[in-house]
Amino acid sequence: MRTAQVFYNNIPAGILQENDRHNYLFTYDEAYFKDKGLPAISLTLPKSKQVYHSSFLFPFFFNMLAEGVNRKLQSTQLKIDENDSFGFLLATARYDTVGAITVKPVEDDTTD
């Protein structure tokens, strides 16, 4: 399982989880949800207490990723499987994104 924290203008907005490549979850942060002045991160993910489930990476996050030649170049340079969209998101959506949303990996403190 891989986990990322989603930020809106550097404000923690929610948690995105990949349980496997066919099981994704998004949940809004409680404080973000309660703040009426903060918008939903996407029209397709309205502010709600529910946990959003998807069998593929949510289109909102997928659309933050490079495509075509740029994706192949990133795959080579970052040593990420070209089909690993969540891995690309974790590696490339931390700092310089179009819009207010950034995505940062949550480091897992557990050891196997």
N, C-alpha and C. Protein backbone atom coordinates (compact mmCIF):
# COMPACT_ATOMS: atom_id res chain seq x y z
N MET A 1 0.84 -1.17 0.00
CA MET A 1 0.00 0.00 0.00
C MET A 1 0.90 1.24 0.00
N ARG A 2 0.53 2.22 -0.84
CA ARG A 2 1.23 3.49 -0.87
C ARG A 2 0.24 4.60 -0.55
N THR A 3 0.73 5.60 0.17
CA THR A 3 -0.13 6.68 0.63
C THR A 3 0.49 8.02 0.31
N ALA A 4 -0.38 8.97 -0.06
CA ALA A 4 0.07 10.33 -0.34
C ALA A 4 -0.85 11.32 0.35
N GLN A 5 -0.26 12.44 0.75
CA GLN A 5 -1.07 13.52 1.30
C GLN A 5 -1.30 14.53 0.19
N VAL A 6 -2.54 14.96 0.05
CA VAL A 6 -2.93 15.91 -0.98
C VAL A 6 -3.06 17.28 -0.31
N PHE A 7 -2.48 18.30 -0.95
CA PHE A 7 -2.50 19.65 -0.43
C PHE A 7 -3.19 20.60 -1.39
N TYR A 8 -3.91 21.56 -0.83
CA TYR A 8 -4.49 22.66 -1.60
C TYR A 8 -3.78 23.93 -1.13
N ASN A 9 -2.98 24.54 -1.99
CA ASN A 9 -2.18 25.72 -1.61
C ASN A 9 -1.44 25.49 -0.29
N ASN A 10 -0.78 24.36 -0.18
CA ASN A 10 0.01 23.96 0.99
C ASN A 10 -0.82 23.68 2.24
N ILE A 11 -2.12 23.57 2.11
CA ILE A 11 -3.00 23.21 3.23
C ILE A 11 -3.37 21.74 3.06
N PRO A 12 -3.13 20.90 4.07
CA PRO A 12 -3.51 19.48 3.94
C PRO A 12 -5.00 19.34 3.63
N ALA A 13 -5.29 18.70 2.50
CA ALA A 13 -6.68 18.56 2.05
C ALA A 13 -7.21 17.14 2.19
N GLY A 14 -6.33 16.14 2.09
CA GLY A 14 -6.82 14.78 2.18
C GLY A 14 -5.72 13.76 2.00
N ILE A 15 -6.14 12.50 2.01
CA ILE A 15 -5.22 11.37 1.86
C ILE A 15 -5.65 10.55 0.65
N LEU A 16 -4.68 10.23 -0.19
CA LEU A 16 -4.88 9.37 -1.36
C LEU A 16 -4.11 8.09 -1.12
N GLN A 17 -4.79 6.95 -1.26
CA GLN A 17 -4.15 5.65 -1.03
C GLN A 17 -4.27 4.77 -2.26
N GLU A 18 -3.20 4.03 -2.51
CA GLU A 18 -3.23 2.97 -3.52
C GLU A 18 -3.03 1.66 -2.77
N ASN A 19 -4.06 0.85 -2.69
CA ASN A 19 -3.93 -0.45 -2.05
C ASN A 19 -3.31 -1.46 -3.00
N ASP A 20 -3.69 -1.37 -4.26
CA ASP A 20 -3.04 -2.07 -5.37
C ASP A 20 -3.44 -1.31 -6.63
N ARG A 21 -2.99 -1.74 -7.79
CA ARG A 21 -3.24 -0.97 -9.00
C ARG A 21 -4.69 -0.95 -9.45
N HIS A 22 -5.55 -1.58 -8.67
CA HIS A 22 -6.98 -1.58 -9.00
C HIS A 22 -7.83 -1.21 -7.79
N ASN A 23 -7.23 -0.50 -6.83
CA ASN A 23 -7.95 -0.14 -5.61
C ASN A 23 -7.38 1.15 -5.03
N TYR A 24 -8.08 2.26 -5.27
CA TYR A 24 -7.64 3.57 -4.81
C TYR A 24 -8.71 4.18 -3.91
N LEU A 25 -8.24 4.94 -2.92
CA LEU A 25 -9.13 5.61 -1.97
C LEU A 25 -8.71 7.07 -1.83
N PHE A 26 -9.69 7.95 -1.68
CA PHE A 26 -9.41 9.33 -1.33
C PHE A 26 -10.35 9.74 -0.21
N THR A 27 -9.79 10.38 0.82
CA THR A 27 -10.55 10.86 1.96
C THR A 27 -10.11 12.28 2.29
N TYR A 28 -11.07 13.16 2.48
CA TYR A 28 -10.74 14.52 2.89
C TYR A 28 -10.27 14.56 4.33
N ASP A 29 -9.30 15.42 4.59
CA ASP A 29 -8.83 15.70 5.94
C ASP A 29 -9.98 16.34 6.72
N GLU A 30 -10.17 15.94 7.97
CA GLU A 30 -11.31 16.42 8.77
C GLU A 30 -11.32 17.94 8.90
N ALA A 31 -10.17 18.55 9.21
CA ALA A 31 -10.12 20.01 9.36
C ALA A 31 -10.40 20.70 8.04
N TYR A 32 -9.89 20.16 6.95
CA TYR A 32 -10.15 20.73 5.62
C TYR A 32 -11.63 20.64 5.30
N PHE A 33 -12.22 19.50 5.58
CA PHE A 33 -13.65 19.30 5.31
C PHE A 33 -14.50 20.32 6.07
N LYS A 34 -14.17 20.55 7.33
CA LYS A 34 -14.98 21.43 8.18
C LYS A 34 -14.84 22.91 7.81
N ASP A 35 -13.74 23.30 7.17
CA ASP A 35 -13.52 24.70 6.81
C ASP A 35 -14.34 25.06 5.58
N LYS A 36 -15.41 25.80 5.79
CA LYS A 36 -16.33 26.15 4.70
C LYS A 36 -15.67 27.05 3.65
N GLY A 37 -14.57 27.71 4.00
CA GLY A 37 -13.87 28.60 3.07
C GLY A 37 -12.97 27.89 2.09
N LEU A 38 -12.76 26.61 2.29
CA LEU A 38 -11.87 25.85 1.41
C LEU A 38 -12.70 25.04 0.41
N PRO A 39 -12.30 25.07 -0.87
CA PRO A 39 -13.08 24.39 -1.90
C PRO A 39 -12.76 22.90 -1.97
N ALA A 40 -13.61 22.19 -2.69
CA ALA A 40 -13.29 20.80 -3.04
C ALA A 40 -12.05 20.83 -3.91
N ILE A 41 -11.25 19.78 -3.86
CA ILE A 41 -10.05 19.77 -4.70
C ILE A 41 -10.39 19.57 -6.17
N SER A 42 -11.59 19.04 -6.43
CA SER A 42 -12.00 18.75 -7.80
C SER A 42 -13.52 18.67 -7.84
N LEU A 43 -14.09 18.99 -9.00
CA LEU A 43 -15.53 18.82 -9.16
C LEU A 43 -15.94 17.37 -9.05
N THR A 44 -15.03 16.48 -9.42
CA THR A 44 -15.33 15.05 -9.37
C THR A 44 -15.11 14.44 -7.98
N LEU A 45 -14.54 15.23 -7.06
CA LEU A 45 -14.33 14.80 -5.68
C LEU A 45 -14.87 15.88 -4.75
N PRO A 46 -16.21 16.06 -4.72
CA PRO A 46 -16.78 17.10 -3.87
C PRO A 46 -16.48 16.85 -2.40
N LYS A 47 -16.43 17.94 -1.62
CA LYS A 47 -16.15 17.79 -0.19
C LYS A 47 -17.24 16.94 0.45
N SER A 48 -16.80 15.88 1.11
CA SER A 48 -17.71 14.92 1.72
C SER A 48 -16.94 14.14 2.77
N LYS A 49 -17.66 13.62 3.73
CA LYS A 49 -17.02 12.76 4.74
C LYS A 49 -16.82 11.34 4.22
N GLN A 50 -17.43 11.04 3.09
CA GLN A 50 -17.31 9.68 2.55
C GLN A 50 -15.90 9.39 2.07
N VAL A 51 -15.57 8.13 2.00
CA VAL A 51 -14.32 7.69 1.40
C VAL A 51 -14.63 7.41 -0.06
N TYR A 52 -13.91 8.05 -0.95
CA TYR A 52 -14.09 7.81 -2.38
C TYR A 52 -13.28 6.58 -2.78
N HIS A 53 -13.88 5.68 -3.53
CA HIS A 53 -13.24 4.45 -4.00
C HIS A 53 -13.17 4.47 -5.52
N SER A 54 -12.11 3.89 -6.06
CA SER A 54 -11.99 3.78 -7.51
C SER A 54 -11.15 2.56 -7.85
N SER A 55 -11.45 1.94 -8.99
CA SER A 55 -10.66 0.79 -9.44
C SER A 55 -9.50 1.24 -10.33
N PHE A 56 -9.34 2.55 -10.50
CA PHE A 56 -8.21 3.12 -11.25
C PHE A 56 -7.87 4.46 -10.60
N LEU A 57 -6.67 4.97 -10.87
CA LEU A 57 -6.28 6.24 -10.30
C LEU A 57 -7.31 7.29 -10.70
N PHE A 58 -7.85 8.01 -9.73
CA PHE A 58 -8.89 9.01 -10.00
C PHE A 58 -8.45 9.90 -11.17
N PRO A 59 -9.33 10.15 -12.13
CA PRO A 59 -8.97 10.97 -13.30
C PRO A 59 -8.37 12.32 -12.94
N PHE A 60 -8.85 12.95 -11.87
CA PHE A 60 -8.29 14.24 -11.46
C PHE A 60 -6.78 14.13 -11.24
N PHE A 61 -6.34 13.09 -10.55
CA PHE A 61 -4.91 12.91 -10.27
C PHE A 61 -4.18 12.40 -11.51
N PHE A 62 -4.80 11.51 -12.26
CA PHE A 62 -4.17 10.99 -13.48
C PHE A 62 -3.86 12.13 -14.45
N ASN A 63 -4.74 13.11 -14.52
CA ASN A 63 -4.56 14.22 -15.44
C ASN A 63 -3.45 15.18 -15.02
N MET A 64 -2.88 14.99 -13.85
CA MET A 64 -1.74 15.78 -13.41
C MET A 64 -0.43 15.23 -13.98
N LEU A 65 -0.49 14.07 -14.62
CA LEU A 65 0.72 13.37 -15.07
C LEU A 65 1.07 13.70 -16.51
N ALA A 66 2.37 13.56 -16.80
CA ALA A 66 2.86 13.74 -18.17
C ALA A 66 2.37 12.58 -19.04
N GLU A 67 2.35 12.83 -20.34
CA GLU A 67 1.93 11.80 -21.30
C GLU A 67 3.00 11.64 -22.39
N GLY A 68 2.85 10.58 -23.15
CA GLY A 68 3.66 10.37 -24.35
C GLY A 68 5.16 10.36 -24.11
N VAL A 69 5.87 11.14 -24.92
CA VAL A 69 7.33 11.18 -24.87
C VAL A 69 7.82 11.66 -23.50
N ASN A 70 7.13 12.64 -22.93
CA ASN A 70 7.55 13.15 -21.62
C ASN A 70 7.42 12.07 -20.54
N ARG A 71 6.38 11.27 -20.63
CA ARG A 71 6.21 10.18 -19.65
C ARG A 71 7.33 9.14 -19.81
N LYS A 72 7.66 8.81 -21.05
CA LYS A 72 8.76 7.86 -21.29
C LYS A 72 10.07 8.39 -20.75
N LEU A 73 10.32 9.68 -20.97
CA LEU A 73 11.54 10.30 -20.47
C LEU A 73 11.58 10.26 -18.95
N GLN A 74 10.47 10.62 -18.30
CA GLN A 74 10.40 10.56 -16.84
C GLN A 74 10.58 9.13 -16.34
N SER A 75 10.01 8.19 -17.03
CA SER A 75 10.14 6.78 -16.65
C SER A 75 11.61 6.38 -16.62
N THR A 76 12.33 6.78 -17.64
CA THR A 76 13.76 6.44 -17.73
C THR A 76 14.56 7.17 -16.66
N GLN A 77 14.35 8.47 -16.54
CA GLN A 77 15.14 9.26 -15.61
C GLN A 77 14.84 8.94 -14.15
N LEU A 78 13.58 8.69 -13.84
CA LEU A 78 13.19 8.43 -12.46
C LEU A 78 13.18 6.95 -12.10
N LYS A 79 13.42 6.10 -13.11
CA LYS A 79 13.41 4.65 -12.92
C LYS A 79 12.08 4.17 -12.34
N ILE A 80 10.99 4.62 -13.00
CA ILE A 80 9.64 4.24 -12.61
C ILE A 80 9.02 3.49 -13.78
N ASP A 81 8.36 2.38 -13.49
CA ASP A 81 7.63 1.63 -14.51
C ASP A 81 6.67 2.58 -15.22
N GLU A 82 6.66 2.56 -16.54
CA GLU A 82 5.83 3.47 -17.32
C GLU A 82 4.34 3.32 -17.02
N ASN A 83 3.94 2.17 -16.49
CA ASN A 83 2.53 1.93 -16.16
C ASN A 83 2.18 2.26 -14.70
N ASP A 84 3.15 2.75 -13.94
CA ASP A 84 2.95 3.04 -12.52
C ASP A 84 2.52 4.50 -12.33
N SER A 85 1.26 4.77 -12.59
CA SER A 85 0.76 6.15 -12.50
C SER A 85 0.88 6.72 -11.09
N PHE A 86 0.61 5.91 -10.08
CA PHE A 86 0.71 6.40 -8.71
C PHE A 86 2.17 6.75 -8.38
N GLY A 87 3.09 5.93 -8.84
CA GLY A 87 4.51 6.23 -8.66
C GLY A 87 4.91 7.54 -9.31
N PHE A 88 4.42 7.78 -10.52
CA PHE A 88 4.68 9.06 -11.19
C PHE A 88 4.09 10.22 -10.40
N LEU A 89 2.89 10.04 -9.88
CA LEU A 89 2.25 11.09 -9.11
C LEU A 89 3.09 11.43 -7.88
N LEU A 90 3.56 10.41 -7.17
CA LEU A 90 4.38 10.63 -5.98
C LEU A 90 5.69 11.33 -6.31
N ALA A 91 6.25 11.01 -7.47
CA ALA A 91 7.55 11.56 -7.85
C ALA A 91 7.47 12.94 -8.48
N THR A 92 6.37 13.27 -9.13
CA THR A 92 6.35 14.50 -9.93
C THR A 92 5.37 15.57 -9.47
N ALA A 93 4.44 15.26 -8.59
CA ALA A 93 3.40 16.23 -8.21
C ALA A 93 3.66 16.88 -6.86
N ARG A 94 4.90 16.91 -6.44
CA ARG A 94 5.24 17.47 -5.12
C ARG A 94 5.35 18.99 -5.11
N TYR A 95 5.92 19.55 -6.16
CA TYR A 95 6.29 20.96 -6.11
C TYR A 95 5.65 21.80 -7.21
N ASP A 96 5.99 21.52 -8.42
CA ASP A 96 5.63 22.39 -9.54
C ASP A 96 4.48 21.78 -10.33
N THR A 97 3.26 22.08 -9.90
CA THR A 97 2.09 21.55 -10.59
C THR A 97 1.29 22.71 -11.16
N VAL A 98 0.46 22.41 -12.13
CA VAL A 98 -0.46 23.41 -12.66
C VAL A 98 -1.65 23.46 -11.70
N GLY A 99 -1.92 24.60 -11.14
CA GLY A 99 -3.03 24.72 -10.20
C GLY A 99 -2.56 24.67 -8.76
N ALA A 100 -3.51 24.55 -7.88
CA ALA A 100 -3.27 24.67 -6.44
C ALA A 100 -2.95 23.35 -5.74
N ILE A 101 -3.10 22.23 -6.44
CA ILE A 101 -2.97 20.92 -5.79
C ILE A 101 -1.55 20.37 -5.93
N THR A 102 -1.01 19.90 -4.82
CA THR A 102 0.24 19.15 -4.83
C THR A 102 -0.01 17.84 -4.09
N VAL A 103 0.84 16.86 -4.38
CA VAL A 103 0.70 15.52 -3.79
C VAL A 103 2.07 15.09 -3.30
N LYS A 104 2.15 14.73 -2.03
CA LYS A 104 3.42 14.33 -1.44
C LYS A 104 3.30 12.96 -0.79
N PRO A 105 4.31 12.13 -0.96
CA PRO A 105 4.25 10.79 -0.35
C PRO A 105 4.24 10.86 1.17
N VAL A 106 3.52 9.95 1.77
CA VAL A 106 3.55 9.76 3.22
C VAL A 106 4.50 8.62 3.47
N GLU A 107 5.54 8.90 4.21
CA GLU A 107 6.54 7.87 4.48
C GLU A 107 6.00 6.89 5.50
N ASP A 108 6.15 5.62 5.21
CA ASP A 108 5.67 4.55 6.09
C ASP A 108 6.78 4.22 7.08
N ASP A 109 6.48 4.34 8.37
CA ASP A 109 7.47 4.07 9.41
C ASP A 109 7.57 2.60 9.78
N THR A 110 6.69 1.77 9.23
CA THR A 110 6.74 0.35 9.58
C THR A 110 7.82 -0.35 8.80
N THR A 111 8.42 -1.35 9.40
CA THR A 111 9.42 -2.15 8.71
C THR A 111 8.91 -3.56 8.57
N ASP A 112 9.25 -4.17 7.46
CA ASP A 112 8.81 -5.56 7.21
C ASP A 112 9.85 -6.55 7.63
